[in-house]
Amino acid sequence: MLQSAYKKLCQQQNLTSDSNQLAAVEALDAVSQALSNNQSVNSLYIFGPVGRGKSMLMDLFFQQLPITAKVRMHYHHFMREVHAQLNRYEGEENPLIQVAEQWSQRYRVICLDEFIVEDIGDAMLLATLWTALFNNNTVLVTTSNTPPKELYRGGLARHRFEPFIELLEQQCNVLNLDSGIDYRRIKSQHCPYFFVNDNQNALAKLLQQTGTITTDSLITIMNRPLRCLWRNDTVIGFDFWQLCSGPRSQRDYMELADQFKVIAVDAVPQFSASPEQAAAQGIEDGFQRQQSLHLSRLDNEARRFIALVDECYDRGCLLLINAVVPIDELYQAEHLKFPFQRCASRLIEMQSWKFPDSV
């Protein structure tokens, strides 16, 4: 049982017993038992701030679930696969229904981690897709930093997204997992892999522990050349702008994280708001000024940086960072505030990881 596995981890001091987590474990256990007995059960939506153990509990649930018709994915990976399947059904009638039928035939339960809707294309198709999945008795177990009613808040044409919110609230038991404690920060009190203004070249010296380093070379990622600062079979390092600016995507970071145990990123800037945009506007443009301060002039780069951290975290690839400010000061605007909180929390947890041996 899931509760037994959780209590054992607490007894072994791998986890700290938490009443909010225990309530989530009980809810997950109920889903697990219903699925094991082929009974109908409500889906489950677990939300809360970063570092509360949502992903850990989902992983534990998935590992303990004694059925094979299951899948556990990051939300972005799920949506990427949905779009790929939609392309295959292009021109056919009701392609979303066909995609949903494919998923429901393969999986009784779909576990989605880090549910966050930022793209209008995703927002517009989710209601149709999940209506079909729920109608085919597919169970959703998902985690998110926000409750359903806060998803896609402020997004373009959000009123068209609201039917999906209503669907989630009808189909899911919604559980708030917030004990007020970010366990990632408790585990990591110092930052051996995050450097601020590294004038002593400590990052490069750390990389050299893995063996001989080749400097200033090219690597091919997603069939495109990418210049790196340092490289051997274990580690690879880049200038931030080379890695997070221009035509880069999650697929680039997935391939890198699969190939290397360590990725280093040098010269990470502060993602600050854009006062120069506001200053360029007249006094009468107060609303526009507020909007510009809401954004960072580097939000595109910030999104790619978040994607890099997510892929490395999910694949156990250690990130070494040299930045101009500490972790909690990296993002200073509002637009990506919540996803960057998760990003910062994951970077903090990485500080407790073991530096990998060379190969």
Protein backbone atom coordinates (compact mmCIF):
# COMPACT_ATOMS: atom_id res chain seq x y z
CA MET A 1 0.00 0.00 0.00
CA LEU A 2 1.08 3.54 -0.68
CA GLN A 3 0.60 4.58 2.96
CA SER A 4 2.94 1.83 4.11
CA ALA A 5 5.60 2.88 1.61
CA TYR A 6 5.31 6.52 2.71
CA LYS A 7 5.50 5.68 6.43
CA LYS A 8 8.52 3.46 5.79
CA LEU A 9 10.34 6.33 4.09
CA CYS A 10 9.55 8.53 7.07
CA GLN A 11 10.82 5.88 9.51
CA GLN A 12 14.03 5.62 7.48
CA GLN A 13 14.30 9.43 7.74
CA ASN A 14 14.28 9.79 3.98
CA LEU A 15 11.16 11.92 4.43
CA THR A 16 9.77 14.10 7.20
CA SER A 17 6.27 13.08 8.23
CA ASP A 18 3.81 15.77 7.13
CA SER A 19 0.06 15.75 7.82
CA ASN A 20 -0.72 17.44 4.48
CA GLN A 21 1.36 14.90 2.61
CA LEU A 22 -0.32 12.08 4.53
CA ALA A 23 -3.75 13.36 3.42
CA ALA A 24 -2.51 13.32 -0.19
CA VAL A 25 -1.13 9.81 0.30
CA GLU A 26 -4.53 8.63 1.55
CA ALA A 27 -6.24 10.18 -1.48
CA LEU A 28 -3.71 8.61 -3.84
CA ASP A 29 -4.08 5.28 -2.07
CA ALA A 30 -7.84 5.37 -2.67
CA VAL A 31 -7.25 5.95 -6.38
CA SER A 32 -4.69 3.15 -6.48
CA GLN A 33 -7.00 0.63 -4.80
CA ALA A 34 -9.90 1.51 -7.09
CA LEU A 35 -7.74 1.14 -10.19
CA SER A 36 -6.30 -2.14 -8.92
CA ASN A 37 -9.85 -3.50 -8.48
CA ASN A 38 -11.01 -2.06 -11.82
CA GLN A 39 -13.51 0.21 -10.08
CA SER A 40 -14.62 3.68 -11.12
CA VAL A 41 -12.90 6.51 -9.27
CA ASN A 42 -12.62 10.28 -9.46
CA SER A 43 -9.47 11.80 -10.87
CA LEU A 44 -7.15 13.66 -8.51
CA TYR A 45 -5.69 17.16 -8.83
CA ILE A 46 -3.02 18.00 -6.23
CA PHE A 47 -1.80 21.60 -6.06
CA GLY A 48 0.43 23.65 -3.83
CA PRO A 49 3.56 25.83 -3.82
CA VAL A 50 6.93 24.53 -4.89
CA GLY A 51 8.88 22.10 -2.73
CA ARG A 52 5.89 20.56 -0.93
CA GLY A 53 6.48 17.03 -2.25
CA LYS A 54 3.86 16.86 -5.01
CA SER A 55 6.13 15.25 -7.62
CA MET A 56 7.64 12.92 -5.02
CA LEU A 57 4.19 11.64 -3.99
CA MET A 58 3.14 11.20 -7.62
CA ASP A 59 6.27 9.16 -8.28
CA LEU A 60 5.59 7.03 -5.22
CA PHE A 61 1.99 6.51 -6.36
CA PHE A 62 3.11 5.54 -9.85
CA GLN A 63 5.74 3.10 -8.57
CA GLN A 64 3.30 1.41 -6.19
CA LEU A 65 0.37 1.24 -8.63
CA PRO A 66 0.04 -2.47 -9.54
CA ILE A 67 -1.28 -2.05 -13.11
CA THR A 68 0.57 -1.79 -16.40
CA ALA A 69 -1.83 0.51 -18.28
CA LYS A 70 -0.29 3.65 -16.80
CA VAL A 71 1.99 6.48 -17.84
CA ARG A 72 3.75 9.23 -15.92
CA MET A 73 4.82 12.32 -17.89
CA HIS A 74 5.67 15.95 -17.45
CA TYR A 75 2.74 18.03 -18.68
CA HIS A 76 4.86 19.62 -21.44
CA HIS A 77 5.90 16.19 -22.74
CA PHE A 78 2.28 15.08 -22.79
CA MET A 79 1.23 18.13 -24.81
CA ARG A 80 4.14 17.70 -27.21
CA GLU A 81 3.04 14.12 -27.86
CA VAL A 82 -0.60 15.21 -28.32
CA HIS A 83 0.45 17.78 -30.92
CA ALA A 84 2.59 15.18 -32.70
CA GLN A 85 -0.40 12.83 -32.90
CA LEU A 86 -2.64 15.66 -34.12
CA ASN A 87 -0.20 16.23 -36.98
CA ARG A 88 -0.56 12.58 -37.96
CA TYR A 89 -4.36 12.94 -38.07
CA GLU A 90 -4.26 16.24 -39.95
CA GLY A 91 -7.15 16.52 -42.40
CA GLU A 92 -9.20 13.78 -40.73
CA GLU A 93 -12.50 14.30 -38.96
CA ASN A 94 -12.37 14.91 -35.18
CA PRO A 95 -8.62 14.42 -34.79
CA LEU A 96 -8.70 15.24 -31.06
CA ILE A 97 -11.25 12.51 -30.44
CA GLN A 98 -9.01 10.04 -32.24
CA VAL A 99 -6.01 11.13 -30.19
CA ALA A 100 -8.01 10.71 -26.98
CA GLU A 101 -9.13 7.24 -28.03
CA GLN A 102 -5.50 6.25 -28.65
CA TRP A 103 -4.48 7.39 -25.18
CA SER A 104 -7.45 5.78 -23.45
CA GLN A 105 -6.82 2.45 -25.20
CA ARG A 106 -3.24 2.41 -23.93
CA TYR A 107 -3.67 3.87 -20.45
CA ARG A 108 -6.16 3.52 -17.61
CA VAL A 109 -4.44 6.30 -15.70
CA ILE A 110 -2.38 9.26 -16.91
CA CYS A 111 -0.12 10.95 -14.36
CA LEU A 112 0.84 14.50 -15.38
CA ASP A 113 3.38 16.42 -13.34
CA GLU A 114 3.57 20.23 -13.24
CA PHE A 115 0.25 21.03 -14.93
CA ILE A 116 0.56 24.61 -16.19
CA VAL A 117 -1.14 26.13 -19.21
CA GLU A 118 0.75 28.96 -20.92
CA ASP A 119 0.02 28.41 -24.59
CA ILE A 120 -3.28 29.47 -26.19
CA GLY A 121 -3.09 26.52 -28.58
CA ASP A 122 -2.98 24.08 -25.66
CA ALA A 123 -5.68 26.01 -23.81
CA MET A 124 -8.09 25.75 -26.73
CA LEU A 125 -7.84 21.98 -27.16
CA LEU A 126 -7.71 20.75 -23.54
CA ALA A 127 -11.47 20.73 -22.89
CA THR A 128 -12.24 18.61 -25.97
CA LEU A 129 -9.31 16.28 -25.35
CA TRP A 130 -10.05 15.61 -21.68
CA THR A 131 -13.80 15.38 -22.15
CA ALA A 132 -13.12 12.50 -24.51
CA LEU A 133 -10.55 10.94 -22.18
CA PHE A 134 -12.85 11.14 -19.16
CA ASN A 135 -15.73 9.72 -21.24
CA ASN A 136 -13.46 6.76 -22.01
CA ASN A 137 -12.89 6.22 -18.25
CA THR A 138 -9.31 7.49 -18.25
CA VAL A 139 -8.23 8.66 -14.80
CA LEU A 140 -6.10 11.77 -14.43
CA VAL A 141 -3.69 12.20 -11.52
CA THR A 142 -1.92 15.53 -11.77
CA THR A 143 0.12 18.03 -9.81
CA SER A 144 0.22 21.79 -10.21
CA ASN A 145 1.38 24.92 -8.43
CA THR A 146 -2.09 26.45 -8.78
CA PRO A 147 -5.71 25.32 -8.24
CA PRO A 148 -7.76 24.67 -11.40
CA LYS A 149 -9.45 28.08 -11.28
CA GLU A 150 -6.03 29.80 -11.47
CA LEU A 151 -4.82 27.94 -14.59
CA TYR A 152 -4.11 30.15 -17.59
CA ARG A 153 -5.02 33.20 -15.53
CA GLY A 154 -4.67 36.34 -17.62
CA GLY A 155 -4.21 34.29 -20.77
CA LEU A 156 -5.44 35.32 -24.18
CA ALA A 157 -9.15 34.48 -24.73
CA ARG A 158 -9.28 32.85 -21.28
CA HIS A 159 -13.09 32.70 -21.36
CA ARG A 160 -12.73 29.97 -23.97
CA PHE A 161 -10.61 28.00 -21.48
CA GLU A 162 -13.13 28.16 -18.65
CA PRO A 163 -15.11 25.05 -19.77
CA PHE A 164 -11.95 23.02 -19.14
CA ILE A 165 -11.65 24.44 -15.62
CA GLU A 166 -15.26 23.45 -14.96
CA LEU A 167 -14.50 19.98 -16.34
CA LEU A 168 -11.52 19.55 -14.01
CA GLU A 169 -13.53 20.62 -10.98
CA GLN A 170 -16.32 18.16 -11.90
CA GLN A 171 -14.05 15.20 -12.57
CA CYS A 172 -11.31 15.67 -10.00
CA ASN A 173 -10.99 15.66 -6.25
CA VAL A 174 -8.93 18.82 -5.72
CA LEU A 175 -6.41 18.68 -2.87
CA ASN A 176 -4.29 21.54 -1.54
CA LEU A 177 -0.84 20.33 -0.49
CA ASP A 178 0.65 23.26 1.43
CA SER A 179 2.27 22.76 4.79
CA GLY A 180 4.10 26.07 4.49
CA ILE A 181 7.43 24.24 4.25
CA ASP A 182 9.62 24.07 1.14
CA TYR A 183 11.44 20.80 1.79
CA ARG A 184 13.91 21.43 -1.01
CA ARG A 185 15.27 24.43 0.85
CA ILE A 186 15.57 22.49 4.10
CA LYS A 187 17.65 19.83 2.36
CA SER A 188 20.02 22.35 0.74
CA GLN A 189 21.52 24.97 3.03
CA HIS A 190 24.53 25.74 0.80
CA CYS A 191 25.05 25.96 -2.95
CA PRO A 192 28.09 24.02 -4.19
CA TYR A 193 26.88 24.06 -7.79
CA PHE A 194 25.56 27.61 -8.08
CA PHE A 195 28.19 30.33 -8.35
CA VAL A 196 27.65 34.08 -8.24
CA ASN A 197 30.08 36.19 -10.29
CA ASP A 198 32.61 33.36 -10.40
CA ASN A 199 35.81 35.36 -10.70
CA GLN A 200 37.93 32.47 -9.41
CA ASN A 201 36.83 30.08 -12.16
CA ALA A 202 35.52 27.64 -9.55
CA LEU A 203 32.98 26.29 -12.05
CA ALA A 204 35.66 25.37 -14.59
CA LYS A 205 37.77 23.80 -11.83
CA LEU A 206 34.80 21.68 -10.73
CA LEU A 207 34.33 20.45 -14.30
CA GLN A 208 38.00 19.46 -14.46
CA GLN A 209 37.40 16.89 -11.71
CA THR A 210 35.76 14.73 -14.38
CA GLY A 211 38.94 14.52 -16.48
CA THR A 212 40.44 16.22 -19.51
CA ILE A 213 38.27 19.03 -20.86
CA THR A 214 38.08 20.15 -24.47
CA THR A 215 37.42 23.88 -24.78
CA ASP A 216 35.59 25.93 -27.42
CA SER A 217 34.20 23.20 -29.65
CA LEU A 218 31.02 22.39 -31.58
CA ILE A 219 28.41 19.74 -30.82
CA THR A 220 25.45 18.76 -32.97
CA ILE A 221 22.10 18.88 -31.14
CA MET A 222 18.80 18.34 -32.96
CA ASN A 223 20.79 18.33 -36.22
CA ARG A 224 22.09 21.85 -35.56
CA PRO A 225 25.59 22.95 -34.49
CA LEU A 226 25.91 24.37 -30.99
CA ARG A 227 29.12 25.90 -29.67
CA CYS A 228 30.18 24.83 -26.17
CA LEU A 229 32.78 26.23 -23.79
CA TRP A 230 33.86 22.95 -22.16
CA ARG A 231 33.23 19.31 -22.94
CA ASN A 232 34.19 15.70 -22.24
CA ASP A 233 32.13 12.50 -22.08
CA THR A 234 30.64 13.42 -18.70
CA VAL A 235 30.14 17.19 -18.76
CA ILE A 236 29.37 19.97 -21.19
CA GLY A 237 29.31 23.71 -20.60
CA PHE A 238 27.82 26.66 -22.47
CA ASP A 239 27.55 30.39 -22.40
CA PHE A 240 23.99 31.26 -21.37
CA TRP A 241 23.24 33.17 -24.57
CA GLN A 242 24.43 30.30 -26.73
CA LEU A 243 22.15 27.86 -24.94
CA CYS A 244 19.06 29.89 -24.05
CA SER A 245 18.78 32.50 -26.78
CA GLY A 246 17.67 31.99 -30.37
CA PRO A 247 16.11 28.86 -31.88
CA ARG A 248 16.38 26.51 -28.89
CA SER A 249 13.61 24.37 -27.41
CA GLN A 250 12.96 21.67 -24.82
CA ARG A 251 14.01 19.04 -27.35
CA ASP A 252 17.54 20.49 -27.41
CA TYR A 253 17.70 20.27 -23.62
CA MET A 254 16.25 16.76 -23.56
CA GLU A 255 18.97 15.55 -25.92
CA LEU A 256 21.71 17.26 -23.93
CA ALA A 257 20.44 15.93 -20.60
CA ASP A 258 20.29 12.41 -22.05
CA GLN A 259 23.89 12.61 -23.30
CA PHE A 260 25.67 14.22 -20.34
CA LYS A 261 25.69 13.82 -16.58
CA VAL A 262 26.47 17.50 -15.98
CA ILE A 263 25.56 20.66 -17.89
CA ALA A 264 27.25 23.93 -16.94
CA VAL A 265 25.86 27.34 -17.87
CA ASP A 266 28.04 30.44 -17.62
CA ALA A 267 27.02 34.11 -17.47
CA VAL A 268 23.36 33.64 -16.50
CA PRO A 269 21.85 37.15 -16.29
CA GLN A 270 19.19 38.52 -14.00
CA PHE A 271 15.78 38.37 -15.64
CA SER A 272 14.73 41.83 -14.55
CA ALA A 273 11.69 43.91 -15.44
CA SER A 274 11.96 46.41 -18.25
CA PRO A 275 12.10 49.94 -16.81
CA GLU A 276 13.63 51.25 -20.02
CA GLN A 277 10.42 50.31 -21.84
CA ALA A 278 8.34 52.14 -19.24
CA ALA A 279 10.57 55.21 -19.26
CA ALA A 280 10.11 55.51 -23.02
CA GLN A 281 6.36 56.01 -22.56
CA GLY A 282 4.52 59.21 -21.59
CA ILE A 283 3.20 59.97 -18.14
CA GLU A 284 -0.33 59.42 -19.43
CA ASP A 285 0.53 55.83 -20.34
CA GLY A 286 0.50 54.56 -16.77
CA PHE A 287 -1.36 51.37 -17.63
CA GLN A 288 1.08 50.50 -20.40
CA ARG A 289 3.96 51.25 -18.07
CA GLN A 290 2.56 48.78 -15.54
CA GLN A 291 2.21 46.16 -18.26
CA SER A 292 5.83 46.55 -19.36
CA LEU A 293 7.06 46.16 -15.77
CA HIS A 294 5.00 42.99 -15.60
CA LEU A 295 7.31 41.44 -18.17
CA SER A 296 11.03 40.86 -18.33
CA ARG A 297 12.82 41.92 -21.47
CA LEU A 298 14.37 38.44 -21.30
CA ASP A 299 11.17 36.41 -20.83
CA ASN A 300 11.87 34.31 -23.94
CA GLU A 301 15.30 33.44 -22.56
CA ALA A 302 13.77 32.87 -19.12
CA ARG A 303 11.32 30.34 -20.58
CA ARG A 304 14.16 28.43 -22.19
CA PHE A 305 16.13 28.51 -18.93
CA ILE A 306 13.10 27.11 -17.07
CA ALA A 307 12.79 24.37 -19.70
CA LEU A 308 16.49 23.54 -19.31
CA VAL A 309 16.16 23.24 -15.53
CA ASP A 310 13.02 21.08 -15.85
CA GLU A 311 14.61 18.64 -18.30
CA CYS A 312 17.81 18.31 -16.27
CA TYR A 313 15.86 17.84 -13.04
CA ASP A 314 13.58 15.18 -14.53
CA ARG A 315 16.54 13.27 -16.00
CA GLY A 316 18.88 13.55 -13.03
CA CYS A 317 21.36 15.70 -14.96
CA LEU A 318 23.19 18.10 -12.63
CA LEU A 319 23.23 21.78 -13.58
CA LEU A 320 26.20 23.97 -12.67
CA ILE A 321 25.38 27.66 -12.88
CA ASN A 322 27.45 30.83 -12.81
CA ALA A 323 25.05 33.78 -12.52
CA VAL A 324 25.22 37.47 -11.74
CA VAL A 325 22.90 37.14 -8.70
CA PRO A 326 21.81 34.39 -6.24
CA ILE A 327 19.05 31.93 -7.18
CA ASP A 328 16.20 33.79 -5.48
CA GLU A 329 17.12 37.04 -7.23
CA LEU A 330 17.26 35.70 -10.79
CA TYR A 331 13.72 36.56 -11.89
CA GLN A 332 12.44 40.01 -10.99
CA ALA A 333 9.32 40.44 -13.17
CA GLU A 334 5.80 39.04 -12.69
CA HIS A 335 4.84 37.25 -15.91
CA LEU A 336 6.80 34.03 -15.21
CA LYS A 337 6.86 34.41 -11.44
CA PHE A 338 5.18 31.09 -10.58
CA PRO A 339 7.01 28.84 -13.05
CA PHE A 340 10.29 30.47 -12.01
CA GLN A 341 9.57 29.74 -8.35
CA ARG A 342 9.47 26.06 -9.29
CA CYS A 343 12.63 26.53 -11.33
CA ALA A 344 14.45 28.15 -8.39
CA SER A 345 13.24 25.45 -6.00
CA ARG A 346 14.57 22.73 -8.31
CA LEU A 347 17.93 24.47 -8.62
CA ILE A 348 18.09 24.61 -4.82
CA GLU A 349 17.32 20.90 -4.51
CA MET A 350 20.08 20.11 -7.01
CA GLN A 351 22.58 21.59 -4.55
CA SER A 352 22.14 18.43 -2.44
CA TRP A 353 22.88 16.10 -5.36
CA LYS A 354 26.10 14.12 -5.56
CA PHE A 355 28.61 15.28 -8.14
CA PRO A 356 28.79 12.40 -10.65
CA ASP A 357 31.86 10.29 -11.20
CA SER A 358 33.59 10.55 -14.55
CA VAL A 359 33.06 7.81 -17.14
